[in-house]
Amino acid sequence: WYVAVPAMLVSCGLSLPVFSWLRPASGSVIPAVVCH
């Protein structure tokens, strides 16, 4: 767990900004959902 949890946090920390940016950039939630 002490390897898996930090790895998941890094992965989420890198993908969340991309998903969050897609919403206002596209004006729709669909691109973020498709990307996820």
Full PDB file with SEQRES, HELIX, SHEET, SSBOND, CRYST1, ORIGX, SCALE, CONECT and MASTER records, all heavy atoms in Angstrom:
SEQRES   1 A   36  TRP TYR VAL ALA VAL PRO ALA MET LEU VAL SER CYS GLY          
SEQRES   2 A   36  LEU SER LEU PRO VAL PHE SER TRP LEU ARG PRO ALA SER          
SEQRES   3 A   36  GLY SER VAL ILE PRO ALA VAL VAL CYS HIS                      
HELIX    1 AA1 ALA A    4  SER A   26  1                                  23    
HELIX    2 AA2 ILE A   30  CYS A   35  1                                   6    
CRYST1    1.000    1.000    1.000  90.00  90.00  90.00 P 1           1          
ORIGX1      1.000000  0.000000  0.000000        0.00000                         
ORIGX2      0.000000  1.000000  0.000000        0.00000                         
ORIGX3      0.000000  0.000000  1.000000        0.00000                         
SCALE1      1.000000  0.000000  0.000000        0.00000                         
SCALE2      0.000000  1.000000  0.000000        0.00000                         
SCALE3      0.000000  0.000000  1.000000        0.00000                         
ATOM      1  N   TRP A   1       0.820  -1.216   0.000  1.00  0.00           N  
ATOM      2  CA  TRP A   1       0.000   0.000   0.000  1.00  0.00           C  
ATOM      3  C   TRP A   1       0.848   1.258   0.000  1.00  0.00           C  
ATOM      4  O   TRP A   1       0.472   2.250  -0.597  1.00  0.00           O  
ATOM      5  CB  TRP A   1      -0.972  -0.007   1.178  1.00  0.00           C  
ATOM      6  CG  TRP A   1      -0.299   0.169   2.512  1.00  0.00           C  
ATOM      7  CD1 TRP A   1       0.152  -0.825   3.332  1.00  0.00           C  
ATOM      8  CD2 TRP A   1       0.024   1.393   3.152  1.00  0.00           C  
ATOM      9  NE1 TRP A   1       0.733  -0.303   4.434  1.00  0.00           N  
ATOM     10  CE2 TRP A   1       0.676   1.076   4.358  1.00  0.00           C  
ATOM     11  CE3 TRP A   1      -0.165   2.728   2.839  1.00  0.00           C  
ATOM     12  CZ2 TRP A   1       1.132   2.038   5.242  1.00  0.00           C  
ATOM     13  CZ3 TRP A   1       0.291   3.698   3.717  1.00  0.00           C  
ATOM     14  CH2 TRP A   1       0.923   3.346   4.908  1.00  0.00           C  
ATOM     15  N   TYR A   2       2.009   1.232   0.678  1.00  0.00           N  
ATOM     16  CA  TYR A   2       2.835   2.438   0.758  1.00  0.00           C  
ATOM     17  C   TYR A   2       3.540   2.753  -0.559  1.00  0.00           C  
ATOM     18  O   TYR A   2       4.137   3.810  -0.698  1.00  0.00           O  
ATOM     19  CB  TYR A   2       3.823   2.364   1.925  1.00  0.00           C  
ATOM     20  CG  TYR A   2       4.655   1.105   1.971  1.00  0.00           C  
ATOM     21  CD1 TYR A   2       5.803   0.969   1.206  1.00  0.00           C  
ATOM     22  CD2 TYR A   2       4.276   0.047   2.788  1.00  0.00           C  
ATOM     23  CE1 TYR A   2       6.554  -0.188   1.250  1.00  0.00           C  
ATOM     24  CE2 TYR A   2       5.022  -1.110   2.836  1.00  0.00           C  
ATOM     25  CZ  TYR A   2       6.165  -1.217   2.071  1.00  0.00           C  
ATOM     26  OH  TYR A   2       6.910  -2.369   2.108  1.00  0.00           O  
ATOM     27  N   VAL A   3       3.457   1.877  -1.528  1.00  0.00           N  
ATOM     28  CA  VAL A   3       3.914   2.175  -2.890  1.00  0.00           C  
ATOM     29  C   VAL A   3       2.706   2.505  -3.767  1.00  0.00           C  
ATOM     30  O   VAL A   3       2.744   3.452  -4.555  1.00  0.00           O  
ATOM     31  CB  VAL A   3       4.694   0.980  -3.485  1.00  0.00           C  
ATOM     32  CG1 VAL A   3       5.014   1.204  -4.950  1.00  0.00           C  
ATOM     33  CG2 VAL A   3       5.963   0.721  -2.686  1.00  0.00           C  
ATOM     34  N   ALA A   4       1.626   1.746  -3.617  1.00  0.00           N  
ATOM     35  CA  ALA A   4       0.441   1.914  -4.468  1.00  0.00           C  
ATOM     36  C   ALA A   4      -0.277   3.237  -4.217  1.00  0.00           C  
ATOM     37  O   ALA A   4      -0.706   3.901  -5.164  1.00  0.00           O  
ATOM     38  CB  ALA A   4      -0.524   0.753  -4.260  1.00  0.00           C  
ATOM     39  N   VAL A   5      -0.408   3.651  -2.963  1.00  0.00           N  
ATOM     40  CA  VAL A   5      -1.145   4.879  -2.658  1.00  0.00           C  
ATOM     41  C   VAL A   5      -0.417   6.112  -3.199  1.00  0.00           C  
ATOM     42  O   VAL A   5      -1.033   6.938  -3.888  1.00  0.00           O  
ATOM     43  CB  VAL A   5      -1.452   4.992  -1.148  1.00  0.00           C  
ATOM     44  CG1 VAL A   5      -1.993   6.363  -0.796  1.00  0.00           C  
ATOM     45  CG2 VAL A   5      -2.430   3.907  -0.723  1.00  0.00           C  
ATOM     46  N   PRO A   6       0.890   6.287  -2.944  1.00  0.00           N  
ATOM     47  CA  PRO A   6       1.570   7.441  -3.553  1.00  0.00           C  
ATOM     48  C   PRO A   6       1.546   7.408  -5.082  1.00  0.00           C  
ATOM     49  O   PRO A   6       1.413   8.455  -5.728  1.00  0.00           O  
ATOM     50  CB  PRO A   6       3.001   7.348  -3.025  1.00  0.00           C  
ATOM     51  CG  PRO A   6       2.887   6.595  -1.757  1.00  0.00           C  
ATOM     52  CD  PRO A   6       1.762   5.621  -1.972  1.00  0.00           C  
ATOM     53  N   ALA A   7       1.638   6.228  -5.665  1.00  0.00           N  
ATOM     54  CA  ALA A   7       1.577   6.128  -7.124  1.00  0.00           C  
ATOM     55  C   ALA A   7       0.215   6.585  -7.639  1.00  0.00           C  
ATOM     56  O   ALA A   7       0.124   7.293  -8.649  1.00  0.00           O  
ATOM     57  CB  ALA A   7       1.855   4.689  -7.569  1.00  0.00           C  
ATOM     58  N   MET A   8      -0.847   6.217  -6.930  1.00  0.00           N  
ATOM     59  CA  MET A   8      -2.185   6.648  -7.330  1.00  0.00           C  
ATOM     60  C   MET A   8      -2.342   8.154  -7.172  1.00  0.00           C  
ATOM     61  O   MET A   8      -2.961   8.815  -8.010  1.00  0.00           O  
ATOM     62  CB  MET A   8      -3.234   5.908  -6.494  1.00  0.00           C  
ATOM     63  CG  MET A   8      -4.628   6.166  -6.928  1.00  0.00           C  
ATOM     64  SD  MET A   8      -4.881   5.534  -8.592  1.00  0.00           S  
ATOM     65  CE  MET A   8      -6.579   5.886  -8.816  1.00  0.00           C  
ATOM     66  N   LEU A   9      -1.773   8.721  -6.119  1.00  0.00           N  
ATOM     67  CA  LEU A   9      -1.847  10.166  -5.909  1.00  0.00           C  
ATOM     68  C   LEU A   9      -1.110  10.927  -7.011  1.00  0.00           C  
ATOM     69  O   LEU A   9      -1.583  11.955  -7.493  1.00  0.00           O  
ATOM     70  CB  LEU A   9      -1.294  10.535  -4.539  1.00  0.00           C  
ATOM     71  CG  LEU A   9      -2.134  10.080  -3.344  1.00  0.00           C  
ATOM     72  CD1 LEU A   9      -1.412  10.389  -2.036  1.00  0.00           C  
ATOM     73  CD2 LEU A   9      -3.497  10.723  -3.367  1.00  0.00           C  
ATOM     74  N   VAL A  10       0.055  10.414  -7.419  1.00  0.00           N  
ATOM     75  CA  VAL A  10       0.797  11.053  -8.516  1.00  0.00           C  
ATOM     76  C   VAL A  10      -0.011  10.960  -9.803  1.00  0.00           C  
ATOM     77  O   VAL A  10      -0.150  11.941 -10.541  1.00  0.00           O  
ATOM     78  CB  VAL A  10       2.196  10.415  -8.692  1.00  0.00           C  
ATOM     79  CG1 VAL A  10       2.866  10.903  -9.962  1.00  0.00           C  
ATOM     80  CG2 VAL A  10       3.070  10.720  -7.489  1.00  0.00           C  
ATOM     81  N   SER A  11      -0.551   9.792 -10.071  1.00  0.00           N  
ATOM     82  CA  SER A  11      -1.342   9.600 -11.289  1.00  0.00           C  
ATOM     83  C   SER A  11      -2.552  10.535 -11.313  1.00  0.00           C  
ATOM     84  O   SER A  11      -2.826  11.179 -12.332  1.00  0.00           O  
ATOM     85  CB  SER A  11      -1.796   8.142 -11.380  1.00  0.00           C  
ATOM     86  OG  SER A  11      -2.602   7.946 -12.501  1.00  0.00           O  
ATOM     87  N   CYS A  12      -3.254  10.632 -10.192  1.00  0.00           N  
ATOM     88  CA  CYS A  12      -4.414  11.537 -10.122  1.00  0.00           C  
ATOM     89  C   CYS A  12      -3.980  12.989 -10.208  1.00  0.00           C  
ATOM     90  O   CYS A  12      -4.650  13.805 -10.847  1.00  0.00           O  
ATOM     91  CB  CYS A  12      -5.190  11.305  -8.834  1.00  0.00           C  
ATOM     92  SG  CYS A  12      -6.048   9.726  -8.797  1.00  0.00           S  
ATOM     93  N   GLY A  13      -2.864  13.310  -9.579  1.00  0.00           N  
ATOM     94  CA  GLY A  13      -2.366  14.678  -9.614  1.00  0.00           C  
ATOM     95  C   GLY A  13      -1.953  15.127 -10.999  1.00  0.00           C  
ATOM     96  O   GLY A  13      -1.974  16.321 -11.306  1.00  0.00           O  
ATOM     97  N   LEU A  14      -1.587  14.187 -11.847  1.00  0.00           N  
ATOM     98  CA  LEU A  14      -1.209  14.536 -13.216  1.00  0.00           C  
ATOM     99  C   LEU A  14      -2.396  14.501 -14.180  1.00  0.00           C  
ATOM    100  O   LEU A  14      -2.426  15.262 -15.145  1.00  0.00           O  
ATOM    101  CB  LEU A  14      -0.107  13.601 -13.720  1.00  0.00           C  
ATOM    102  CG  LEU A  14       1.265  13.826 -13.094  1.00  0.00           C  
ATOM    103  CD1 LEU A  14       2.215  12.710 -13.505  1.00  0.00           C  
ATOM    104  CD2 LEU A  14       1.819  15.181 -13.482  1.00  0.00           C  
ATOM    105  N   SER A  15      -3.352  13.635 -13.937  1.00  0.00           N  
ATOM    106  CA  SER A  15      -4.478  13.552 -14.866  1.00  0.00           C  
ATOM    107  C   SER A  15      -5.607  14.532 -14.521  1.00  0.00           C  
ATOM    108  O   SER A  15      -6.290  15.031 -15.419  1.00  0.00           O  
ATOM    109  CB  SER A  15      -5.033  12.126 -14.935  1.00  0.00           C  
ATOM    110  OG  SER A  15      -5.463  11.691 -13.672  1.00  0.00           O  
ATOM    111  N   LEU A  16      -5.790  14.844 -13.252  1.00  0.00           N  
ATOM    112  CA  LEU A  16      -6.864  15.759 -12.856  1.00  0.00           C  
ATOM    113  C   LEU A  16      -6.755  17.132 -13.515  1.00  0.00           C  
ATOM    114  O   LEU A  16      -7.760  17.644 -14.010  1.00  0.00           O  
ATOM    115  CB  LEU A  16      -6.910  15.899 -11.332  1.00  0.00           C  
ATOM    116  CG  LEU A  16      -7.981  16.842 -10.795  1.00  0.00           C  
ATOM    117  CD1 LEU A  16      -9.366  16.283 -11.101  1.00  0.00           C  
ATOM    118  CD2 LEU A  16      -7.804  17.057  -9.313  1.00  0.00           C  
ATOM    119  N   PRO A  17      -5.574  17.759 -13.573  1.00  0.00           N  
ATOM    120  CA  PRO A  17      -5.514  19.067 -14.245  1.00  0.00           C  
ATOM    121  C   PRO A  17      -5.910  19.002 -15.719  1.00  0.00           C  
ATOM    122  O   PRO A  17      -6.546  19.920 -16.241  1.00  0.00           O  
ATOM    123  CB  PRO A  17      -4.054  19.492 -14.093  1.00  0.00           C  
ATOM    124  CG  PRO A  17      -3.554  18.730 -12.938  1.00  0.00           C  
ATOM    125  CD  PRO A  17      -4.307  17.440 -12.932  1.00  0.00           C  
ATOM    126  N   VAL A  18      -5.562  17.922 -16.378  1.00  0.00           N  
ATOM    127  CA  VAL A  18      -5.910  17.788 -17.796  1.00  0.00           C  
ATOM    128  C   VAL A  18      -7.424  17.662 -17.947  1.00  0.00           C  
ATOM    129  O   VAL A  18      -8.043  18.354 -18.761  1.00  0.00           O  
ATOM    130  CB  VAL A  18      -5.198  16.582 -18.439  1.00  0.00           C  
ATOM    131  CG1 VAL A  18      -5.636  16.391 -19.877  1.00  0.00           C  
ATOM    132  CG2 VAL A  18      -3.686  16.762 -18.345  1.00  0.00           C  
ATOM    133  N   PHE A  19      -8.041  16.790 -17.134  1.00  0.00           N  
ATOM    134  CA  PHE A  19      -9.492  16.631 -17.199  1.00  0.00           C  
ATOM    135  C   PHE A  19     -10.194  17.935 -16.817  1.00  0.00           C  
ATOM    136  O   PHE A  19     -11.200  18.312 -17.410  1.00  0.00           O  
ATOM    137  CB  PHE A  19      -9.972  15.510 -16.279  1.00  0.00           C  
ATOM    138  CG  PHE A  19      -9.409  14.152 -16.603  1.00  0.00           C  
ATOM    139  CD1 PHE A  19      -9.273  13.205 -15.617  1.00  0.00           C  
ATOM    140  CD2 PHE A  19      -9.011  13.814 -17.884  1.00  0.00           C  
ATOM    141  CE1 PHE A  19      -8.768  11.949 -15.896  1.00  0.00           C  
ATOM    142  CE2 PHE A  19      -8.497  12.569 -18.177  1.00  0.00           C  
ATOM    143  CZ  PHE A  19      -8.375  11.638 -17.181  1.00  0.00           C  
ATOM    144  N   SER A  20      -9.656  18.616 -15.804  1.00  0.00           N  
ATOM    145  CA  SER A  20     -10.258  19.877 -15.353  1.00  0.00           C  
ATOM    146  C   SER A  20     -10.141  20.967 -16.409  1.00  0.00           C  
ATOM    147  O   SER A  20     -11.028  21.803 -16.532  1.00  0.00           O  
ATOM    148  CB  SER A  20      -9.581  20.349 -14.066  1.00  0.00           C  
ATOM    149  OG  SER A  20      -9.781  19.416 -13.043  1.00  0.00           O  
ATOM    150  N   TRP A  21      -9.066  20.990 -17.147  1.00  0.00           N  
ATOM    151  CA  TRP A  21      -8.876  21.990 -18.203  1.00  0.00           C  
ATOM    152  C   TRP A  21      -9.793  21.722 -19.383  1.00  0.00           C  
ATOM    153  O   TRP A  21     -10.283  22.662 -20.022  1.00  0.00           O  
ATOM    154  CB  TRP A  21      -7.426  22.006 -18.651  1.00  0.00           C  
ATOM    155  CG  TRP A  21      -7.206  22.774 -19.905  1.00  0.00           C  
ATOM    156  CD1 TRP A  21      -7.211  24.132 -20.053  1.00  0.00           C  
ATOM    157  CD2 TRP A  21      -6.985  22.236 -21.208  1.00  0.00           C  
ATOM    158  NE1 TRP A  21      -6.990  24.474 -21.365  1.00  0.00           N  
ATOM    159  CE2 TRP A  21      -6.849  23.320 -22.093  1.00  0.00           C  
ATOM    160  CE3 TRP A  21      -6.889  20.941 -21.710  1.00  0.00           C  
ATOM    161  CZ2 TRP A  21      -6.628  23.144 -23.446  1.00  0.00           C  
ATOM    162  CZ3 TRP A  21      -6.660  20.777 -23.053  1.00  0.00           C  
ATOM    163  CH2 TRP A  21      -6.536  21.869 -23.909  1.00  0.00           C  
ATOM    164  N   LEU A  22     -10.053  20.472 -19.696  1.00  0.00           N  
ATOM    165  CA  LEU A  22     -10.887  20.140 -20.849  1.00  0.00           C  
ATOM    166  C   LEU A  22     -12.300  20.714 -20.728  1.00  0.00           C  
ATOM    167  O   LEU A  22     -12.896  21.113 -21.723  1.00  0.00           O  
ATOM    168  CB  LEU A  22     -10.969  18.626 -21.040  1.00  0.00           C  
ATOM    169  CG  LEU A  22      -9.768  17.977 -21.702  1.00  0.00           C  
ATOM    170  CD1 LEU A  22      -9.890  16.464 -21.637  1.00  0.00           C  
ATOM    171  CD2 LEU A  22      -9.628  18.440 -23.131  1.00  0.00           C  
ATOM    172  N   ARG A  23     -12.833  20.755 -19.530  1.00  0.00           N  
ATOM    173  CA  ARG A  23     -14.209  21.236 -19.342  1.00  0.00           C  
ATOM    174  C   ARG A  23     -14.367  22.693 -19.765  1.00  0.00           C  
ATOM    175  O   ARG A  23     -15.172  22.996 -20.635  1.00  0.00           O  
ATOM    176  CB  ARG A  23     -14.638  20.995 -17.887  1.00  0.00           C  
ATOM    177  CG  ARG A  23     -15.888  21.725 -17.441  1.00  0.00           C  
ATOM    178  CD  ARG A  23     -17.098  21.271 -18.254  1.00  0.00           C  
ATOM    179  NE  ARG A  23     -18.286  21.931 -17.804  1.00  0.00           N  
ATOM    180  CZ  ARG A  23     -18.833  22.996 -18.386  1.00  0.00           C  
ATOM    181  NH1 ARG A  23     -18.266  23.560 -19.404  1.00  0.00           N  
ATOM    182  NH2 ARG A  23     -19.942  23.504 -17.941  1.00  0.00           N  
ATOM    183  N   PRO A  24     -13.603  23.637 -19.195  1.00  0.00           N  
ATOM    184  CA  PRO A  24     -13.797  25.027 -19.629  1.00  0.00           C  
ATOM    185  C   PRO A  24     -13.273  25.288 -21.038  1.00  0.00           C  
ATOM    186  O   PRO A  24     -13.809  26.131 -21.751  1.00  0.00           O  
ATOM    187  CB  PRO A  24     -13.033  25.853 -18.596  1.00  0.00           C  
ATOM    188  CG  PRO A  24     -12.103  24.922 -17.943  1.00  0.00           C  
ATOM    189  CD  PRO A  24     -12.701  23.557 -18.059  1.00  0.00           C  
ATOM    190  N   ALA A  25     -12.257  24.555 -21.457  1.00  0.00           N  
ATOM    191  CA  ALA A  25     -11.700  24.781 -22.795  1.00  0.00           C  
ATOM    192  C   ALA A  25     -12.680  24.370 -23.886  1.00  0.00           C  
ATOM    193  O   ALA A  25     -12.725  24.990 -24.947  1.00  0.00           O  
ATOM    194  CB  ALA A  25     -10.396  24.018 -22.956  1.00  0.00           C  
ATOM    195  N   SER A  26     -13.470  23.342 -23.623  1.00  0.00           N  
ATOM    196  CA  SER A  26     -14.402  22.855 -24.636  1.00  0.00           C  
ATOM    197  C   SER A  26     -15.821  23.386 -24.442  1.00  0.00           C  
ATOM    198  O   SER A  26     -16.619  23.343 -25.373  1.00  0.00           O  
ATOM    199  CB  SER A  26     -14.435  21.328 -24.615  1.00  0.00           C  
ATOM    200  OG  SER A  26     -15.004  20.876 -23.406  1.00  0.00           O  
ATOM    201  N   GLY A  27     -16.133  23.835 -23.227  1.00  0.00           N  
ATOM    202  CA  GLY A  27     -17.490  24.285 -22.950  1.00  0.00           C  
ATOM    203  C   GLY A  27     -18.448  23.134 -22.699  1.00  0.00           C  
ATOM    204  O   GLY A  27     -19.651  23.326 -22.615  1.00  0.00           O  
ATOM    205  N   SER A  28     -17.913  21.933 -22.581  1.00  0.00           N  
ATOM    206  CA  SER A  28     -18.751  20.752 -22.365  1.00  0.00           C  
ATOM    207  C   SER A  28     -18.000  19.770 -21.467  1.00  0.00           C  
ATOM    208  O   SER A  28     -16.772  19.745 -21.437  1.00  0.00           O  
ATOM    209  CB  SER A  28     -19.061  20.077 -23.703  1.00  0.00           C  
ATOM    210  OG  SER A  28     -19.703  18.842 -23.495  1.00  0.00           O  
ATOM    211  N   VAL A  29     -18.751  18.964 -20.761  1.00  0.00           N  
ATOM    212  CA  VAL A  29     -18.145  17.945 -19.914  1.00  0.00           C  
ATOM    213  C   VAL A  29     -17.777  16.687 -20.722  1.00  0.00           C  
ATOM    214  O   VAL A  29     -16.973  15.872 -20.289  1.00  0.00           O  
ATOM    215  CB  VAL A  29     -19.073  17.604 -18.722  1.00  0.00           C  
ATOM    216  CG1 VAL A  29     -20.258  16.801 -19.165  1.00  0.00           C  
ATOM    217  CG2 VAL A  29     -18.314  16.892 -17.638  1.00  0.00           C  
ATOM    218  N   ILE A  30     -18.337  16.551 -21.901  1.00  0.00           N  
ATOM    219  CA  ILE A  30     -18.146  15.345 -22.715  1.00  0.00           C  
ATOM    220  C   ILE A  30     -16.666  15.066 -23.024  1.00  0.00           C  
ATOM    221  O   ILE A  30     -16.218  13.928 -22.871  1.00  0.00           O  
ATOM    222  CB  ILE A  30     -18.990  15.405 -24.008  1.00  0.00           C  
ATOM    223  CG1 ILE A  30     -20.475  15.532 -23.668  1.00  0.00           C  
ATOM    224  CG2 ILE A  30     -18.719  14.217 -24.907  1.00  0.00           C  
ATOM    225  CD1 ILE A  30     -21.037  14.383 -22.870  1.00  0.00           C  
ATOM    226  N   PRO A  31     -15.851  16.033 -23.463  1.00  0.00           N  
ATOM    227  CA  PRO A  31     -14.444  15.726 -23.727  1.00  0.00           C  
ATOM    228  C   PRO A  31     -13.694  15.210 -22.496  1.00  0.00           C  
ATOM    229  O   PRO A  31     -12.866  14.309 -22.607  1.00  0.00           O  
ATOM    230  CB  PRO A  31     -13.857  17.051 -24.205  1.00  0.00           C  
ATOM    231  CG  PRO A  31     -15.015  17.781 -24.777  1.00  0.00           C  
ATOM    232  CD  PRO A  31     -16.178  17.399 -23.908  1.00  0.00           C  
ATOM    233  N   ALA A  32     -14.008  15.749 -21.318  1.00  0.00           N  
ATOM    234  CA  ALA A  32     -13.355  15.264 -20.103  1.00  0.00           C  
ATOM    235  C   ALA A  32     -13.775  13.832 -19.793  1.00  0.00           C  
ATOM    236  O   ALA A  32     -12.953  13.007 -19.387  1.00  0.00           O  
ATOM    237  CB  ALA A  32     -13.675  16.184 -18.929  1.00  0.00           C  
ATOM    238  N   VAL A  33     -15.046  13.531 -20.014  1.00  0.00           N  
ATOM    239  CA  VAL A  33     -15.546  12.174 -19.781  1.00  0.00           C  
ATOM    240  C   VAL A  33     -14.903  11.194 -20.762  1.00  0.00           C  
ATOM    241  O   VAL A  33     -14.454  10.106 -20.379  1.00  0.00           O  
ATOM    242  CB  VAL A  33     -17.090  12.127 -19.887  1.00  0.00           C  
ATOM    243  CG1 VAL A  33     -17.606  10.703 -19.884  1.00  0.00           C  
ATOM    244  CG2 VAL A  33     -17.710  12.932 -18.776  1.00  0.00           C  
ATOM    245  N   VAL A  34     -14.824  11.572 -22.016  1.00  0.00           N  
ATOM    246  CA  VAL A  34     -14.208  10.711 -23.035  1.00  0.00           C  
ATOM    247  C   VAL A  34     -12.726  10.510 -22.733  1.00  0.00           C  
ATOM    248  O   VAL A  34     -12.211   9.393 -22.822  1.00  0.00           O  
ATOM    249  CB  VAL A  34     -14.422  11.306 -24.449  1.00  0.00           C  
ATOM    250  CG1 VAL A  34     -13.600  10.586 -25.484  1.00  0.00           C  
ATOM    251  CG2 VAL A  34     -15.902  11.262 -24.808  1.00  0.00           C  
ATOM    252  N   CYS A  35     -12.047  11.577 -22.356  1.00  0.00           N  
ATOM    253  CA  CYS A  35     -10.628  11.471 -22.016  1.00  0.00           C  
ATOM    254  C   CYS A  35     -10.425  10.559 -20.808  1.00  0.00           C  
ATOM    255  O   CYS A  35      -9.521   9.715 -20.805  1.00  0.00           O  
ATOM    256  CB  CYS A  35     -10.052  12.860 -21.743  1.00  0.00           C  
ATOM    257  SG  CYS A  35      -8.284  12.865 -21.460  1.00  0.00           S  
ATOM    258  N   HIS A  36     -11.266  10.707 -19.786  1.00  0.00           N  
ATOM    259  CA  HIS A  36     -11.164   9.850 -18.607  1.00  0.00           C  
ATOM    260  C   HIS A  36     -11.408   8.390 -18.978  1.00  0.00           C  
ATOM    261  O   HIS A  36     -10.683   7.496 -18.533  1.00  0.00           O  
ATOM    262  CB  HIS A  36     -12.166  10.303 -17.548  1.00  0.00           C  
ATOM    263  CG  HIS A  36     -12.041   9.562 -16.265  1.00  0.00           C  
ATOM    264  ND1 HIS A  36     -12.613   8.332 -16.056  1.00  0.00           N  
ATOM    265  CD2 HIS A  36     -11.399   9.871 -15.117  1.00  0.00           C  
ATOM    266  CE1 HIS A  36     -12.336   7.916 -14.845  1.00  0.00           C  
ATOM    267  NE2 HIS A  36     -11.592   8.836 -14.250  1.00  0.00           N  
TER     268      HIS A  36                                                      
MASTER        0    0    0    2    0    0    0    6  267    1    0    3          
END                                                                             
